[in-house]
Amino acid sequence: MAIRIKNQWFNADKPKSPRETASAMAFIVWRVTQNMVKQMREAKFDIDVGPSYFAFMREALGFLCQVVDRMAFETLPAQERVEFTSAMIVRVAEILEESEQEWLGEPASGLESWRNQFIGMCNDLGDVYSDFGHGPEGPDFAFVRCFGSRLEEVLPAKDRHWVKDQVMAYEVPEALEMVKRGFQGVYSKEPRPKRRAGHTGD
């Protein structure tokens, strides 16, 4: 089931900085990823809150950040795209870190902060997904299949055989549609539709 996502500015005429749009997009990516996890659980995949849950979240968030970066590459000036993507990943890392600290506590001694671990993973994912295509319809088959393959590594053995089919057939298409609408919305210059005036009865 698609979730409702706020993706329009109240004051669309006011110019927004790459950091402002990135923050809005980071929240959308976060909400879409949470929805993906919820639906995977409803499909009987074991993704319990704990290390496995956050391993799944990191992979899904990283995948969607890569997709959004491709959208930005195709639509934004080069420098703005770099600023936007960098700020979005940092903001996603901050949101993720708040949740990881609540449920997992601090990382083990000697490890980087949760925030820096996610940012480092996103840097690595840039190379992992770099050979795959992305067009008006979104990431190509190999791009999405690679994501499914990475999820196999973080799910219990009983779920690994089915995860590619689930994400490729159901979860990714829905997530991509919501992310695409979100990206178009945060960069839209159209004013937010006014609410209709309420009517009172007799």
N, C-alpha and C. Protein backbone atom coordinates (compact mmCIF):
# COMPACT_ATOMS: atom_id res chain seq x y z
N MET A 1 0.85 -1.19 0.00
CA MET A 1 0.00 0.00 0.00
C MET A 1 0.89 1.25 0.00
N ALA A 2 0.63 2.16 -0.94
CA ALA A 2 1.41 3.40 -1.01
C ALA A 2 1.11 4.28 0.19
N ILE A 3 2.11 5.01 0.64
CA ILE A 3 1.93 5.92 1.76
C ILE A 3 1.79 7.34 1.26
N ARG A 4 1.14 8.15 2.05
CA ARG A 4 0.98 9.56 1.71
C ARG A 4 2.24 10.30 2.14
N ILE A 5 2.82 11.04 1.21
CA ILE A 5 4.07 11.75 1.49
C ILE A 5 3.90 13.21 1.12
N LYS A 6 4.21 14.07 2.07
CA LYS A 6 4.19 15.50 1.80
C LYS A 6 5.38 15.86 0.93
N ASN A 7 5.13 16.37 -0.27
CA ASN A 7 6.23 16.66 -1.19
C ASN A 7 6.07 18.01 -1.89
N GLN A 8 5.26 18.89 -1.30
CA GLN A 8 5.09 20.22 -1.88
C GLN A 8 5.40 21.27 -0.83
N TRP A 9 5.99 22.36 -1.28
CA TRP A 9 6.33 23.46 -0.39
C TRP A 9 5.13 24.36 -0.17
N PHE A 10 5.02 24.94 1.01
CA PHE A 10 3.97 25.93 1.25
C PHE A 10 4.23 27.19 0.43
N ASN A 11 5.51 27.59 0.35
CA ASN A 11 5.87 28.78 -0.40
C ASN A 11 6.75 28.35 -1.57
N ALA A 12 6.12 27.95 -2.67
CA ALA A 12 6.87 27.39 -3.80
C ALA A 12 7.66 28.45 -4.54
N ASP A 13 7.29 29.72 -4.41
CA ASP A 13 7.98 30.78 -5.14
C ASP A 13 9.33 31.11 -4.54
N LYS A 14 9.52 30.83 -3.27
CA LYS A 14 10.78 31.14 -2.62
C LYS A 14 11.85 30.13 -3.03
N PRO A 15 13.01 30.58 -3.53
CA PRO A 15 14.07 29.65 -3.94
C PRO A 15 14.51 28.77 -2.77
N LYS A 16 14.72 27.50 -3.05
CA LYS A 16 15.16 26.56 -2.03
C LYS A 16 16.62 26.17 -2.30
N SER A 17 17.42 26.11 -1.25
CA SER A 17 18.81 25.73 -1.40
C SER A 17 18.90 24.22 -1.62
N PRO A 18 20.01 23.73 -2.20
CA PRO A 18 20.18 22.29 -2.32
C PRO A 18 20.05 21.58 -0.98
N ARG A 19 20.49 22.22 0.10
CA ARG A 19 20.39 21.60 1.42
C ARG A 19 18.93 21.46 1.85
N GLU A 20 18.10 22.45 1.56
CA GLU A 20 16.68 22.38 1.93
C GLU A 20 15.97 21.28 1.16
N THR A 21 16.21 21.23 -0.14
CA THR A 21 15.57 20.18 -0.94
C THR A 21 16.11 18.81 -0.55
N ALA A 22 17.40 18.75 -0.22
CA ALA A 22 18.00 17.48 0.20
C ALA A 22 17.38 16.98 1.49
N SER A 23 17.13 17.88 2.43
CA SER A 23 16.53 17.49 3.70
C SER A 23 15.12 16.94 3.48
N ALA A 24 14.36 17.59 2.62
CA ALA A 24 13.01 17.12 2.31
C ALA A 24 13.06 15.76 1.64
N MET A 25 14.01 15.58 0.72
CA MET A 25 14.11 14.32 0.00
C MET A 25 14.60 13.20 0.91
N ALA A 26 15.47 13.53 1.86
CA ALA A 26 15.96 12.53 2.81
C ALA A 26 14.80 11.97 3.62
N PHE A 27 13.89 12.83 4.04
CA PHE A 27 12.74 12.37 4.82
C PHE A 27 11.85 11.46 3.97
N ILE A 28 11.68 11.81 2.70
CA ILE A 28 10.87 10.97 1.80
C ILE A 28 11.51 9.60 1.64
N VAL A 29 12.82 9.57 1.40
CA VAL A 29 13.54 8.30 1.26
C VAL A 29 13.39 7.46 2.53
N TRP A 30 13.48 8.10 3.68
CA TRP A 30 13.33 7.40 4.95
C TRP A 30 11.94 6.79 5.08
N ARG A 31 10.90 7.57 4.79
CA ARG A 31 9.53 7.08 4.90
C ARG A 31 9.28 5.92 3.93
N VAL A 32 9.76 6.05 2.72
CA VAL A 32 9.56 5.00 1.71
C VAL A 32 10.27 3.72 2.14
N THR A 33 11.45 3.84 2.72
CA THR A 33 12.18 2.66 3.17
C THR A 33 11.46 1.99 4.34
N GLN A 34 10.95 2.77 5.27
CA GLN A 34 10.16 2.20 6.37
C GLN A 34 8.95 1.44 5.83
N ASN A 35 8.31 2.00 4.83
CA ASN A 35 7.15 1.34 4.23
C ASN A 35 7.55 0.03 3.57
N MET A 36 8.72 0.01 2.93
CA MET A 36 9.21 -1.21 2.30
C MET A 36 9.42 -2.31 3.34
N VAL A 37 10.04 -1.94 4.46
CA VAL A 37 10.27 -2.92 5.52
C VAL A 37 8.93 -3.44 6.06
N LYS A 38 7.99 -2.54 6.27
CA LYS A 38 6.68 -2.95 6.77
C LYS A 38 6.03 -3.97 5.84
N GLN A 39 6.09 -3.70 4.54
CA GLN A 39 5.46 -4.61 3.58
C GLN A 39 6.21 -5.93 3.46
N MET A 40 7.52 -5.88 3.59
CA MET A 40 8.29 -7.12 3.58
C MET A 40 7.90 -7.99 4.78
N ARG A 41 7.70 -7.36 5.92
CA ARG A 41 7.27 -8.12 7.10
C ARG A 41 5.89 -8.73 6.88
N GLU A 42 4.99 -7.95 6.27
CA GLU A 42 3.65 -8.46 6.00
C GLU A 42 3.70 -9.64 5.02
N ALA A 43 4.75 -9.66 4.18
CA ALA A 43 4.95 -10.77 3.25
C ALA A 43 5.69 -11.94 3.90
N LYS A 44 5.83 -11.87 5.24
CA LYS A 44 6.39 -12.96 6.06
C LYS A 44 7.92 -13.08 5.98
N PHE A 45 8.60 -12.00 5.62
CA PHE A 45 10.05 -11.99 5.73
C PHE A 45 10.42 -11.62 7.15
N ASP A 46 11.42 -12.31 7.70
CA ASP A 46 11.85 -12.06 9.07
C ASP A 46 12.82 -10.89 9.11
N ILE A 47 12.29 -9.72 9.46
CA ILE A 47 13.12 -8.52 9.60
C ILE A 47 12.79 -7.92 10.96
N ASP A 48 13.32 -8.52 12.00
CA ASP A 48 13.04 -8.08 13.36
C ASP A 48 13.89 -6.88 13.71
N VAL A 49 13.34 -6.01 14.57
CA VAL A 49 14.11 -4.84 15.01
C VAL A 49 15.37 -5.33 15.73
N GLY A 50 16.48 -4.82 15.28
CA GLY A 50 17.78 -5.26 15.79
C GLY A 50 18.79 -5.16 14.65
N PRO A 51 19.90 -5.86 14.76
CA PRO A 51 20.93 -5.76 13.72
C PRO A 51 20.44 -6.09 12.32
N SER A 52 19.61 -7.13 12.17
CA SER A 52 19.14 -7.51 10.83
C SER A 52 18.23 -6.44 10.24
N TYR A 53 17.40 -5.84 11.10
CA TYR A 53 16.51 -4.77 10.65
C TYR A 53 17.31 -3.60 10.09
N PHE A 54 18.34 -3.19 10.83
CA PHE A 54 19.11 -2.04 10.39
C PHE A 54 20.03 -2.37 9.22
N ALA A 55 20.45 -3.63 9.11
CA ALA A 55 21.21 -4.03 7.92
C ALA A 55 20.34 -3.90 6.68
N PHE A 56 19.06 -4.30 6.80
CA PHE A 56 18.12 -4.15 5.69
C PHE A 56 17.89 -2.67 5.40
N MET A 57 17.65 -1.89 6.44
CA MET A 57 17.40 -0.47 6.27
C MET A 57 18.56 0.22 5.55
N ARG A 58 19.79 -0.09 5.96
CA ARG A 58 20.95 0.55 5.33
C ARG A 58 21.02 0.23 3.85
N GLU A 59 20.79 -1.04 3.49
CA GLU A 59 20.84 -1.41 2.07
C GLU A 59 19.74 -0.71 1.27
N ALA A 60 18.53 -0.68 1.83
CA ALA A 60 17.41 -0.06 1.11
C ALA A 60 17.60 1.45 1.00
N LEU A 61 18.01 2.08 2.08
CA LEU A 61 18.28 3.52 2.05
C LEU A 61 19.40 3.85 1.06
N GLY A 62 20.45 3.04 1.09
CA GLY A 62 21.57 3.27 0.18
C GLY A 62 21.15 3.13 -1.27
N PHE A 63 20.35 2.12 -1.57
CA PHE A 63 19.85 1.92 -2.93
C PHE A 63 19.02 3.12 -3.39
N LEU A 64 18.09 3.57 -2.55
CA LEU A 64 17.23 4.69 -2.94
C LEU A 64 18.03 5.98 -3.06
N CYS A 65 19.04 6.16 -2.22
CA CYS A 65 19.90 7.35 -2.36
C CYS A 65 20.62 7.34 -3.70
N GLN A 66 21.06 6.15 -4.14
CA GLN A 66 21.71 6.05 -5.44
C GLN A 66 20.73 6.38 -6.58
N VAL A 67 19.49 5.92 -6.44
CA VAL A 67 18.48 6.21 -7.45
C VAL A 67 18.20 7.71 -7.51
N VAL A 68 18.04 8.33 -6.35
CA VAL A 68 17.78 9.77 -6.32
C VAL A 68 18.96 10.54 -6.92
N ASP A 69 20.18 10.09 -6.64
CA ASP A 69 21.35 10.74 -7.23
C ASP A 69 21.31 10.66 -8.75
N ARG A 70 20.85 9.55 -9.31
CA ARG A 70 20.72 9.43 -10.77
C ARG A 70 19.67 10.42 -11.28
N MET A 71 18.58 10.55 -10.55
CA MET A 71 17.57 11.54 -10.95
C MET A 71 18.17 12.94 -10.95
N ALA A 72 18.94 13.23 -9.91
CA ALA A 72 19.58 14.54 -9.81
C ALA A 72 20.58 14.74 -10.94
N PHE A 73 21.33 13.71 -11.27
CA PHE A 73 22.31 13.78 -12.36
C PHE A 73 21.64 14.12 -13.68
N GLU A 74 20.43 13.59 -13.88
CA GLU A 74 19.72 13.78 -15.13
C GLU A 74 18.98 15.10 -15.22
N THR A 75 18.80 15.79 -14.08
CA THR A 75 17.95 16.98 -14.10
C THR A 75 18.59 18.25 -13.54
N LEU A 76 19.65 18.12 -12.74
CA LEU A 76 20.22 19.29 -12.07
C LEU A 76 21.58 19.67 -12.64
N PRO A 77 21.96 20.95 -12.54
CA PRO A 77 23.33 21.34 -12.88
C PRO A 77 24.32 20.55 -12.03
N ALA A 78 25.51 20.33 -12.58
CA ALA A 78 26.48 19.43 -11.94
C ALA A 78 26.77 19.80 -10.49
N GLN A 79 27.08 21.07 -10.23
CA GLN A 79 27.45 21.47 -8.88
C GLN A 79 26.28 21.36 -7.92
N GLU A 80 25.09 21.72 -8.39
CA GLU A 80 23.91 21.62 -7.53
C GLU A 80 23.62 20.17 -7.20
N ARG A 81 23.80 19.29 -8.18
CA ARG A 81 23.58 17.86 -7.94
C ARG A 81 24.52 17.33 -6.87
N VAL A 82 25.80 17.72 -6.92
CA VAL A 82 26.77 17.25 -5.93
C VAL A 82 26.37 17.74 -4.54
N GLU A 83 26.00 19.02 -4.43
CA GLU A 83 25.60 19.57 -3.13
C GLU A 83 24.33 18.88 -2.62
N PHE A 84 23.39 18.69 -3.50
CA PHE A 84 22.13 18.06 -3.13
C PHE A 84 22.34 16.64 -2.64
N THR A 85 23.03 15.83 -3.42
CA THR A 85 23.20 14.43 -3.06
C THR A 85 24.00 14.28 -1.77
N SER A 86 25.05 15.05 -1.64
CA SER A 86 25.87 14.98 -0.42
C SER A 86 25.04 15.32 0.81
N ALA A 87 24.27 16.40 0.71
CA ALA A 87 23.45 16.83 1.85
C ALA A 87 22.35 15.81 2.15
N MET A 88 21.78 15.21 1.11
CA MET A 88 20.72 14.21 1.32
C MET A 88 21.27 13.00 2.06
N ILE A 89 22.42 12.50 1.64
CA ILE A 89 23.00 11.32 2.27
C ILE A 89 23.36 11.61 3.73
N VAL A 90 23.91 12.78 3.99
CA VAL A 90 24.24 13.14 5.36
C VAL A 90 22.99 13.20 6.22
N ARG A 91 21.93 13.77 5.68
CA ARG A 91 20.68 13.87 6.46
C ARG A 91 20.07 12.49 6.70
N VAL A 92 20.07 11.63 5.69
CA VAL A 92 19.58 10.26 5.87
C VAL A 92 20.41 9.57 6.95
N ALA A 93 21.72 9.76 6.91
CA ALA A 93 22.61 9.15 7.90
C ALA A 93 22.28 9.63 9.31
N GLU A 94 21.93 10.90 9.45
CA GLU A 94 21.57 11.45 10.76
C GLU A 94 20.27 10.84 11.27
N ILE A 95 19.27 10.72 10.39
CA ILE A 95 17.99 10.13 10.80
C ILE A 95 18.19 8.67 11.19
N LEU A 96 18.96 7.95 10.38
CA LEU A 96 19.22 6.54 10.66
C LEU A 96 19.97 6.38 11.98
N GLU A 97 20.95 7.24 12.21
CA GLU A 97 21.75 7.15 13.42
C GLU A 97 20.88 7.32 14.67
N GLU A 98 19.92 8.23 14.63
CA GLU A 98 19.04 8.42 15.78
C GLU A 98 18.32 7.12 16.14
N SER A 99 17.85 6.42 15.11
CA SER A 99 17.13 5.17 15.35
C SER A 99 18.09 4.06 15.79
N GLU A 100 19.26 4.00 15.18
CA GLU A 100 20.22 2.95 15.55
C GLU A 100 20.70 3.12 16.99
N GLN A 101 20.93 4.36 17.39
CA GLN A 101 21.36 4.58 18.76
C GLN A 101 20.28 4.19 19.76
N GLU A 102 19.04 4.42 19.39
CA GLU A 102 17.93 4.06 20.28
C GLU A 102 17.84 2.55 20.47
N TRP A 103 18.00 1.79 19.36
CA TRP A 103 17.77 0.35 19.41
C TRP A 103 19.04 -0.48 19.58
N LEU A 104 20.16 0.03 19.07
CA LEU A 104 21.41 -0.74 19.12
C LEU A 104 22.44 -0.17 20.08
N GLY A 105 22.23 1.08 20.51
CA GLY A 105 23.23 1.73 21.33
C GLY A 105 24.38 2.25 20.48
N GLU A 106 25.48 2.59 21.10
CA GLU A 106 26.63 3.08 20.36
C GLU A 106 27.34 1.93 19.65
N PRO A 107 28.02 2.20 18.53
CA PRO A 107 28.80 1.15 17.86
C PRO A 107 29.87 0.58 18.79
N ALA A 108 30.31 -0.61 18.48
CA ALA A 108 31.35 -1.24 19.28
C ALA A 108 32.62 -0.39 19.28
N SER A 109 33.38 -0.52 20.34
CA SER A 109 34.61 0.25 20.48
C SER A 109 35.51 0.07 19.26
N GLY A 110 36.03 1.17 18.77
CA GLY A 110 36.93 1.13 17.62
C GLY A 110 36.24 1.32 16.28
N LEU A 111 34.90 1.23 16.25
CA LEU A 111 34.16 1.43 15.01
C LEU A 111 33.73 2.89 14.88
N GLU A 112 33.54 3.31 13.65
CA GLU A 112 33.06 4.68 13.41
C GLU A 112 31.62 4.82 13.87
N SER A 113 31.16 6.06 13.98
CA SER A 113 29.77 6.32 14.36
C SER A 113 28.84 5.70 13.32
N TRP A 114 27.59 5.43 13.74
CA TRP A 114 26.60 4.90 12.80
C TRP A 114 26.48 5.82 11.59
N ARG A 115 26.49 7.11 11.84
CA ARG A 115 26.38 8.11 10.77
C ARG A 115 27.49 7.93 9.74
N ASN A 116 28.72 7.85 10.21
CA ASN A 116 29.85 7.75 9.29
C ASN A 116 29.91 6.39 8.61
N GLN A 117 29.42 5.35 9.30
CA GLN A 117 29.37 4.03 8.65
C GLN A 117 28.43 4.06 7.45
N PHE A 118 27.28 4.71 7.61
CA PHE A 118 26.32 4.77 6.50
C PHE A 118 26.88 5.61 5.35
N ILE A 119 27.47 6.75 5.66
CA ILE A 119 28.04 7.60 4.62
C ILE A 119 29.13 6.85 3.86
N GLY A 120 29.97 6.11 4.60
CA GLY A 120 31.00 5.32 3.95
C GLY A 120 30.41 4.25 3.04
N MET A 121 29.32 3.61 3.49
CA MET A 121 28.67 2.60 2.67
C MET A 121 28.11 3.21 1.38
N CYS A 122 27.53 4.42 1.50
CA CYS A 122 26.98 5.09 0.31
C CYS A 122 28.09 5.43 -0.68
N ASN A 123 29.24 5.81 -0.18
CA ASN A 123 30.37 6.05 -1.08
C ASN A 123 30.76 4.78 -1.82
N ASP A 124 30.76 3.66 -1.11
CA ASP A 124 31.07 2.38 -1.75
C ASP A 124 30.00 1.99 -2.76
N LEU A 125 28.74 2.27 -2.43
CA LEU A 125 27.64 1.91 -3.33
C LEU A 125 27.71 2.68 -4.64
N GLY A 126 28.31 3.86 -4.60
CA GLY A 126 28.49 4.60 -5.86
C GLY A 126 29.27 3.79 -6.87
N ASP A 127 30.27 3.04 -6.40
CA ASP A 127 31.04 2.16 -7.30
C ASP A 127 30.26 0.89 -7.62
N VAL A 128 29.55 0.34 -6.65
CA VAL A 128 28.81 -0.91 -6.85
C VAL A 128 27.77 -0.75 -7.96
N TYR A 129 27.02 0.35 -7.93
CA TYR A 129 25.92 0.54 -8.88
C TYR A 129 26.32 1.34 -10.12
N SER A 130 27.57 1.76 -10.21
CA SER A 130 27.97 2.69 -11.28
C SER A 130 27.84 2.12 -12.69
N ASP A 131 27.94 0.80 -12.83
CA ASP A 131 27.88 0.21 -14.17
C ASP A 131 26.46 -0.03 -14.65
N PHE A 132 25.48 0.22 -13.81
CA PHE A 132 24.09 -0.06 -14.18
C PHE A 132 23.41 1.20 -14.71
N GLY A 133 22.41 0.99 -15.54
CA GLY A 133 21.75 2.11 -16.20
C GLY A 133 20.55 2.65 -15.43
N HIS A 134 20.21 3.88 -15.76
CA HIS A 134 19.03 4.53 -15.18
C HIS A 134 18.47 5.48 -16.23
N GLY A 135 17.16 5.40 -16.45
CA GLY A 135 16.53 6.25 -17.45
C GLY A 135 15.22 6.80 -16.95
N PRO A 136 14.39 7.29 -17.84
CA PRO A 136 13.10 7.87 -17.43
C PRO A 136 12.22 6.90 -16.63
N GLU A 137 12.37 5.60 -16.89
CA GLU A 137 11.57 4.61 -16.17
C GLU A 137 12.21 4.17 -14.87
N GLY A 138 13.41 4.70 -14.58
CA GLY A 138 14.08 4.34 -13.34
C GLY A 138 15.29 3.46 -13.57
N PRO A 139 15.77 2.78 -12.54
CA PRO A 139 16.95 1.92 -12.67
C PRO A 139 16.65 0.71 -13.54
N ASP A 140 17.67 0.25 -14.27
CA ASP A 140 17.46 -0.90 -15.14
C ASP A 140 17.40 -2.21 -14.35
N PHE A 141 17.15 -3.29 -15.06
CA PHE A 141 16.95 -4.60 -14.43
C PHE A 141 18.15 -5.00 -13.59
N ALA A 142 19.35 -4.83 -14.13
CA ALA A 142 20.56 -5.23 -13.41
C ALA A 142 20.76 -4.41 -12.14
N PHE A 143 20.40 -3.13 -12.20
CA PHE A 143 20.50 -2.23 -11.05
C PHE A 143 19.66 -2.78 -9.89
N VAL A 144 18.41 -3.10 -10.19
CA VAL A 144 17.49 -3.59 -9.16
C VAL A 144 17.89 -5.00 -8.71
N ARG A 145 18.33 -5.82 -9.64
CA ARG A 145 18.75 -7.18 -9.29
C ARG A 145 19.94 -7.15 -8.34
N CYS A 146 20.84 -6.22 -8.55
CA CYS A 146 22.00 -6.08 -7.67
C CYS A 146 21.53 -5.75 -6.24
N PHE A 147 20.56 -4.87 -6.14
CA PHE A 147 19.99 -4.53 -4.84
C PHE A 147 19.43 -5.78 -4.17
N GLY A 148 18.67 -6.57 -4.93
CA GLY A 148 18.11 -7.80 -4.39
C GLY A 148 19.19 -8.77 -3.93
N SER A 149 20.27 -8.84 -4.68
CA SER A 149 21.38 -9.73 -4.31
C SER A 149 22.03 -9.29 -3.00
N ARG A 150 22.15 -7.99 -2.81
CA ARG A 150 22.73 -7.49 -1.58
C ARG A 150 21.82 -7.76 -0.38
N LEU A 151 20.51 -7.74 -0.61
CA LEU A 151 19.59 -8.05 0.48
C LEU A 151 19.68 -9.51 0.90
N GLU A 152 20.03 -10.39 -0.03
CA GLU A 152 20.18 -11.80 0.32
C GLU A 152 21.19 -11.98 1.45
N GLU A 153 22.18 -11.11 1.49
CA GLU A 153 23.25 -11.25 2.47
C GLU A 153 22.83 -10.82 3.88
N VAL A 154 21.73 -10.09 4.00
CA VAL A 154 21.34 -9.57 5.32
C VAL A 154 20.07 -10.23 5.86
N LEU A 155 19.47 -11.14 5.09
CA LEU A 155 18.24 -11.81 5.54
C LEU A 155 18.54 -13.23 6.01
N PRO A 156 17.66 -13.79 6.83
CA PRO A 156 17.84 -15.18 7.26
C PRO A 156 17.84 -16.12 6.05
N ALA A 157 18.45 -17.30 6.22
CA ALA A 157 18.60 -18.26 5.12
C ALA A 157 17.26 -18.60 4.47
N LYS A 158 16.20 -18.73 5.29
CA LYS A 158 14.90 -19.13 4.75
C LYS A 158 14.31 -18.11 3.79
N ASP A 159 14.74 -16.84 3.90
CA ASP A 159 14.17 -15.77 3.08
C ASP A 159 15.01 -15.43 1.85
N ARG A 160 16.22 -15.93 1.78
CA ARG A 160 17.13 -15.49 0.73
C ARG A 160 16.69 -15.90 -0.66
N HIS A 161 16.03 -17.05 -0.76
CA HIS A 161 15.63 -17.54 -2.08
C HIS A 161 14.54 -16.68 -2.71
N TRP A 162 13.78 -15.97 -1.86
CA TRP A 162 12.60 -15.27 -2.36
C TRP A 162 12.76 -13.76 -2.43
N VAL A 163 13.81 -13.23 -1.85
CA VAL A 163 13.88 -11.78 -1.70
C VAL A 163 14.01 -11.05 -3.03
N LYS A 164 14.76 -11.59 -3.97
CA LYS A 164 14.89 -10.92 -5.26
C LYS A 164 13.53 -10.78 -5.94
N ASP A 165 12.78 -11.87 -5.97
CA ASP A 165 11.46 -11.83 -6.61
C ASP A 165 10.57 -10.81 -5.93
N GLN A 166 10.60 -10.78 -4.60
CA GLN A 166 9.73 -9.86 -3.86
C GLN A 166 10.07 -8.41 -4.15
N VAL A 167 11.35 -8.05 -4.06
CA VAL A 167 11.71 -6.64 -4.24
C VAL A 167 11.57 -6.21 -5.70
N MET A 168 11.89 -7.12 -6.63
CA MET A 168 11.84 -6.73 -8.04
C MET A 168 10.41 -6.63 -8.55
N ALA A 169 9.55 -7.49 -8.07
CA ALA A 169 8.17 -7.51 -8.56
C ALA A 169 7.25 -6.55 -7.83
N TYR A 170 7.51 -6.33 -6.54
CA TYR A 170 6.57 -5.56 -5.73
C TYR A 170 7.17 -4.33 -5.06
N GLU A 171 8.18 -4.55 -4.24
CA GLU A 171 8.65 -3.46 -3.38
C GLU A 171 9.33 -2.33 -4.14
N VAL A 172 10.25 -2.67 -5.03
CA VAL A 172 11.00 -1.61 -5.73
C VAL A 172 10.11 -0.79 -6.65
N PRO A 173 9.25 -1.38 -7.48
CA PRO A 173 8.39 -0.54 -8.33
C PRO A 173 7.56 0.47 -7.54
N GLU A 174 6.99 0.03 -6.43
CA GLU A 174 6.18 0.95 -5.63
C GLU A 174 7.05 2.02 -4.99
N ALA A 175 8.20 1.62 -4.45
CA ALA A 175 9.11 2.57 -3.81
C ALA A 175 9.60 3.60 -4.82
N LEU A 176 9.94 3.15 -6.01
CA LEU A 176 10.45 4.07 -7.03
C LEU A 176 9.39 5.08 -7.45
N GLU A 177 8.15 4.65 -7.53
CA GLU A 177 7.08 5.57 -7.90
C GLU A 177 6.93 6.66 -6.85
N MET A 178 7.00 6.29 -5.58
CA MET A 178 6.88 7.28 -4.51
C MET A 178 8.08 8.21 -4.47
N VAL A 179 9.27 7.67 -4.68
CA VAL A 179 10.48 8.50 -4.67
C VAL A 179 10.48 9.45 -5.87
N LYS A 180 10.06 8.97 -7.00
CA LYS A 180 10.00 9.82 -8.20
C LYS A 180 9.03 10.98 -7.99
N ARG A 181 7.84 10.68 -7.45
CA ARG A 181 6.88 11.74 -7.16
C ARG A 181 7.44 12.72 -6.15
N GLY A 182 8.14 12.18 -5.15
CA GLY A 182 8.73 13.04 -4.14
C GLY A 182 9.77 13.98 -4.73
N PHE A 183 10.63 13.46 -5.59
CA PHE A 183 11.67 14.28 -6.20
C PHE A 183 11.05 15.37 -7.07
N GLN A 184 10.06 14.99 -7.86
CA GLN A 184 9.39 15.99 -8.70
C GLN A 184 8.70 17.04 -7.84
N GLY A 185 8.16 16.61 -6.71
CA GLY A 185 7.45 17.54 -5.85
C GLY A 185 8.36 18.54 -5.18
N VAL A 186 9.51 18.08 -4.63
CA VAL A 186 10.38 19.01 -3.92
C VAL A 186 11.05 20.00 -4.87
N TYR A 187 11.11 19.66 -6.16
CA TYR A 187 11.68 20.59 -7.13
C TYR A 187 10.61 21.32 -7.94
N SER A 188 9.36 21.09 -7.61
CA SER A 188 8.28 21.78 -8.31
C SER A 188 8.18 23.24 -7.87
N LYS A 189 7.88 24.10 -8.82
CA LYS A 189 7.67 25.52 -8.52
C LYS A 189 6.19 25.87 -8.49
N GLU A 190 5.34 24.86 -8.65
CA GLU A 190 3.91 25.10 -8.60
C GLU A 190 3.48 25.31 -7.16
N PRO A 191 2.60 26.29 -6.92
CA PRO A 191 2.15 26.54 -5.54
C PRO A 191 1.35 25.39 -5.01
N ARG A 192 1.40 25.24 -3.70
CA ARG A 192 0.62 24.21 -3.02
C ARG A 192 -0.87 24.49 -3.22
N PRO A 193 -1.66 23.49 -3.63
CA PRO A 193 -3.10 23.73 -3.83
C PRO A 193 -3.74 24.22 -2.54
N LYS A 194 -4.61 25.22 -2.68
CA LYS A 194 -5.30 25.74 -1.51
C LYS A 194 -6.38 24.77 -1.07
N ARG A 195 -6.55 24.69 0.25
CA ARG A 195 -7.62 23.85 0.77
C ARG A 195 -8.97 24.47 0.46
N ARG A 196 -9.93 23.65 0.17
CA ARG A 196 -11.25 24.18 -0.07
C ARG A 196 -11.87 24.66 1.22
N ALA A 197 -12.57 25.74 1.16
CA ALA A 197 -13.21 26.29 2.35
C ALA A 197 -14.23 25.29 2.87
N GLY A 198 -14.29 25.18 4.19
CA GLY A 198 -15.22 24.24 4.79
C GLY A 198 -16.66 24.75 4.66
N HIS A 199 -17.57 23.84 4.66
CA HIS A 199 -18.98 24.20 4.57
C HIS A 199 -19.69 23.77 5.85
N THR A 200 -20.52 24.61 6.32
CA THR A 200 -21.28 24.27 7.53
C THR A 200 -22.70 23.91 7.16
N GLY A 201 -23.23 22.98 7.87
CA GLY A 201 -24.61 22.57 7.58
C GLY A 201 -25.59 23.42 8.35
N ASP A 202 -26.83 23.22 8.06
CA ASP A 202 -27.86 23.95 8.78
C ASP A 202 -28.01 23.38 10.17
